[in-house]
Amino acid sequence: MTNEQLSALQSYVDAALPLLGLGGWRVKVIRDSGPDEHQATLEYFHGRREAELEVAGDFFERVARSQRELLAHELAHLVLAHLDLHARGRELRDVLGGPAFELFQLGWRQLLELAVDTLEPLLVDILVDRLPGPVFPVSAARPDDRHDFREPS
């Protein structure tokens, strides 16, 4: 991932946040730090309303729809951040106790991913309708391959 690609992706995410009702959040896009089974991960810091979006190096080799889906999926986690904060909070752990809280967390993570998966296509539609482009810079390794957020005509 080149600096130019990272900058273009950051600009796109910055423009997407207010369209998705996340205008109060700051999301910093960072390079994937190493081998991982995830194509992207989002870590958020609720009290500061900040997050880091880590994307895999092959993001720019994906087709346009896949790029949008990946971004929408990760940003859907921010849409649900308030719920997640309460479900993972110390107060709930204190009420349930350690073992019950851990069992609850297993189910909660599954339910949260189902909710994120449900929101993802809605957020993709918003991005397609309200935020055109950009055409991301192509890596030097594949100069004939252009990937952008527009559907082929």
Protein backbone atom coordinates (compact mmCIF):
# COMPACT_ATOMS: atom_id res chain seq x y z
CA MET A 1 0.00 0.00 0.00
CA THR A 2 1.53 3.27 -1.10
CA ASN A 3 1.32 6.54 0.80
CA GLU A 4 -0.81 7.93 -2.05
CA GLN A 5 -3.28 5.04 -1.71
CA LEU A 6 -3.40 5.41 2.07
CA SER A 7 -4.07 9.14 1.73
CA ALA A 8 -6.86 8.59 -0.81
CA LEU A 9 -8.50 5.99 1.44
CA GLN A 10 -8.24 8.32 4.44
CA SER A 11 -9.95 11.10 2.46
CA TYR A 12 -12.74 8.73 1.45
CA VAL A 13 -13.32 7.54 5.03
CA ASP A 14 -13.31 11.15 6.28
CA ALA A 15 -16.02 12.03 3.75
CA ALA A 16 -18.05 8.89 4.55
CA LEU A 17 -18.30 9.42 8.32
CA PRO A 18 -20.86 12.28 8.36
CA LEU A 19 -22.96 10.52 5.71
CA LEU A 20 -23.27 7.50 8.00
CA GLY A 21 -24.18 9.52 11.10
CA LEU A 22 -20.63 9.26 12.45
CA GLY A 23 -19.60 12.88 12.09
CA GLY A 24 -18.42 13.07 15.69
CA TRP A 25 -15.89 10.30 15.15
CA ARG A 26 -12.31 10.52 13.90
CA VAL A 27 -11.02 7.43 12.11
CA LYS A 28 -7.37 7.07 11.22
CA VAL A 29 -6.61 4.62 8.41
CA ILE A 30 -3.45 2.64 9.04
CA ARG A 31 -1.51 -0.04 7.18
CA ASP A 32 -2.00 -3.66 8.10
CA SER A 33 0.65 -4.52 10.67
CA GLY A 34 1.19 -8.12 9.61
CA PRO A 35 -0.31 -11.47 8.67
CA ASP A 36 -3.88 -11.78 9.85
CA GLU A 37 -6.98 -13.62 8.76
CA HIS A 38 -8.90 -10.34 8.68
CA GLN A 39 -8.92 -8.06 5.65
CA ALA A 40 -9.62 -5.08 7.90
CA THR A 41 -10.06 -4.43 11.59
CA LEU A 42 -11.44 -1.48 13.46
CA GLU A 43 -10.42 -0.64 16.99
CA TYR A 44 -12.30 2.19 18.62
CA PHE A 45 -11.74 4.29 21.69
CA HIS A 46 -15.24 5.26 22.71
CA GLY A 47 -14.42 7.96 25.26
CA ARG A 48 -12.37 9.87 22.69
CA ARG A 49 -14.67 8.99 19.76
CA GLU A 50 -11.61 7.91 17.81
CA ALA A 51 -10.88 4.73 15.91
CA GLU A 52 -8.13 3.10 13.90
CA LEU A 53 -9.06 1.28 10.71
CA GLU A 54 -6.35 -1.17 9.73
CA VAL A 55 -6.63 -2.44 6.15
CA ALA A 56 -4.77 -5.28 4.49
CA GLY A 57 -2.32 -4.47 1.72
CA ASP A 58 -4.47 -6.20 -0.89
CA PHE A 59 -7.39 -3.81 -0.34
CA PHE A 60 -6.50 -1.97 -3.54
CA GLU A 61 -6.54 -5.20 -5.53
CA ARG A 62 -10.18 -5.87 -4.65
CA VAL A 63 -13.08 -5.11 -6.94
CA ALA A 64 -15.05 -1.95 -6.21
CA ARG A 65 -18.02 -3.69 -4.54
CA SER A 66 -15.73 -5.64 -2.25
CA GLN A 67 -13.91 -2.45 -1.21
CA ARG A 68 -17.19 -0.76 -0.31
CA GLU A 69 -18.46 -3.79 1.59
CA LEU A 70 -15.28 -4.06 3.61
CA LEU A 71 -15.36 -0.37 4.58
CA ALA A 72 -19.09 -0.43 5.32
CA HIS A 73 -18.69 -3.51 7.52
CA GLU A 74 -15.98 -1.91 9.63
CA LEU A 75 -17.81 1.42 9.90
CA ALA A 76 -20.98 -0.41 10.97
CA HIS A 77 -19.07 -1.34 14.11
CA LEU A 78 -18.90 2.38 14.93
CA VAL A 79 -22.64 2.76 14.34
CA LEU A 80 -23.16 0.12 17.05
CA ALA A 81 -20.35 1.30 19.34
CA HIS A 82 -22.69 2.63 22.04
CA LEU A 83 -24.40 -0.75 22.39
CA ASP A 84 -21.08 -2.55 22.39
CA LEU A 85 -19.70 -0.27 25.09
CA HIS A 86 -22.56 -1.14 27.45
CA ALA A 87 -22.44 -4.86 26.67
CA ARG A 88 -18.73 -4.99 27.47
CA GLY A 89 -18.85 -2.62 30.44
CA ARG A 90 -17.54 -3.22 33.92
CA GLU A 91 -20.96 -2.61 35.42
CA LEU A 92 -22.42 -5.61 33.63
CA ARG A 93 -19.43 -7.74 34.64
CA ASP A 94 -19.98 -6.72 38.27
CA VAL A 95 -23.68 -7.64 38.14
CA LEU A 96 -23.26 -10.96 36.29
CA GLY A 97 -19.98 -12.09 37.76
CA GLY A 98 -16.95 -13.31 35.84
CA PRO A 99 -18.09 -16.70 34.43
CA ALA A 100 -21.58 -15.51 33.45
CA PHE A 101 -20.13 -12.37 31.91
CA GLU A 102 -17.69 -14.40 29.80
CA LEU A 103 -20.52 -16.63 28.59
CA PHE A 104 -22.60 -13.56 27.78
CA GLN A 105 -19.65 -12.11 25.81
CA LEU A 106 -19.48 -15.17 23.54
CA GLY A 107 -23.11 -14.69 22.54
CA TRP A 108 -22.78 -10.91 22.36
CA ARG A 109 -19.91 -11.03 19.86
CA GLN A 110 -21.95 -13.30 17.59
CA LEU A 111 -25.02 -11.06 17.83
CA LEU A 112 -22.95 -7.94 17.22
CA GLU A 113 -21.48 -9.43 14.02
CA LEU A 114 -24.99 -10.38 12.85
CA ALA A 115 -26.13 -6.79 13.43
CA VAL A 116 -23.08 -5.44 11.60
CA ASP A 117 -23.73 -7.81 8.69
CA THR A 118 -27.34 -6.57 8.56
CA LEU A 119 -26.26 -2.91 8.48
CA GLU A 120 -23.50 -3.43 5.92
CA PRO A 121 -25.63 -3.45 2.73
CA LEU A 122 -27.56 -0.39 3.92
CA LEU A 123 -24.33 1.52 4.48
CA VAL A 124 -22.99 0.38 1.09
CA ASP A 125 -26.12 1.81 -0.54
CA ILE A 126 -25.60 5.13 1.24
CA LEU A 127 -21.98 5.27 0.11
CA VAL A 128 -22.86 4.43 -3.49
CA ASP A 129 -25.68 6.99 -3.62
CA ARG A 130 -24.05 9.86 -1.77
CA LEU A 131 -20.28 9.58 -2.09
CA PRO A 132 -18.81 9.21 -5.57
CA GLY A 133 -15.30 7.88 -6.22
CA PRO A 134 -12.48 8.24 -5.57
CA VAL A 135 -10.36 6.34 -8.02
CA PHE A 136 -7.65 4.95 -5.78
CA PRO A 137 -4.10 5.18 -7.09
CA VAL A 138 -2.95 1.89 -8.56
CA SER A 139 0.16 0.23 -7.19
CA ALA A 140 3.19 0.18 -9.45
CA ALA A 141 3.04 -3.61 -9.51
CA ARG A 142 -0.26 -3.59 -11.41
CA PRO A 143 -0.37 -0.42 -13.55
CA ASP A 144 -3.10 -1.74 -15.85
CA ASP A 145 -5.49 -2.52 -13.00
CA ARG A 146 -7.82 0.29 -11.84
CA HIS A 147 -10.03 -0.17 -8.83
CA ASP A 148 -12.48 2.47 -7.82
CA PHE A 149 -15.80 2.73 -6.04
CA ARG A 150 -17.94 3.02 -9.18
CA GLU A 151 -19.79 0.07 -10.58
CA PRO A 152 -18.88 -0.88 -14.15
CA SER A 153 -21.25 0.61 -16.71
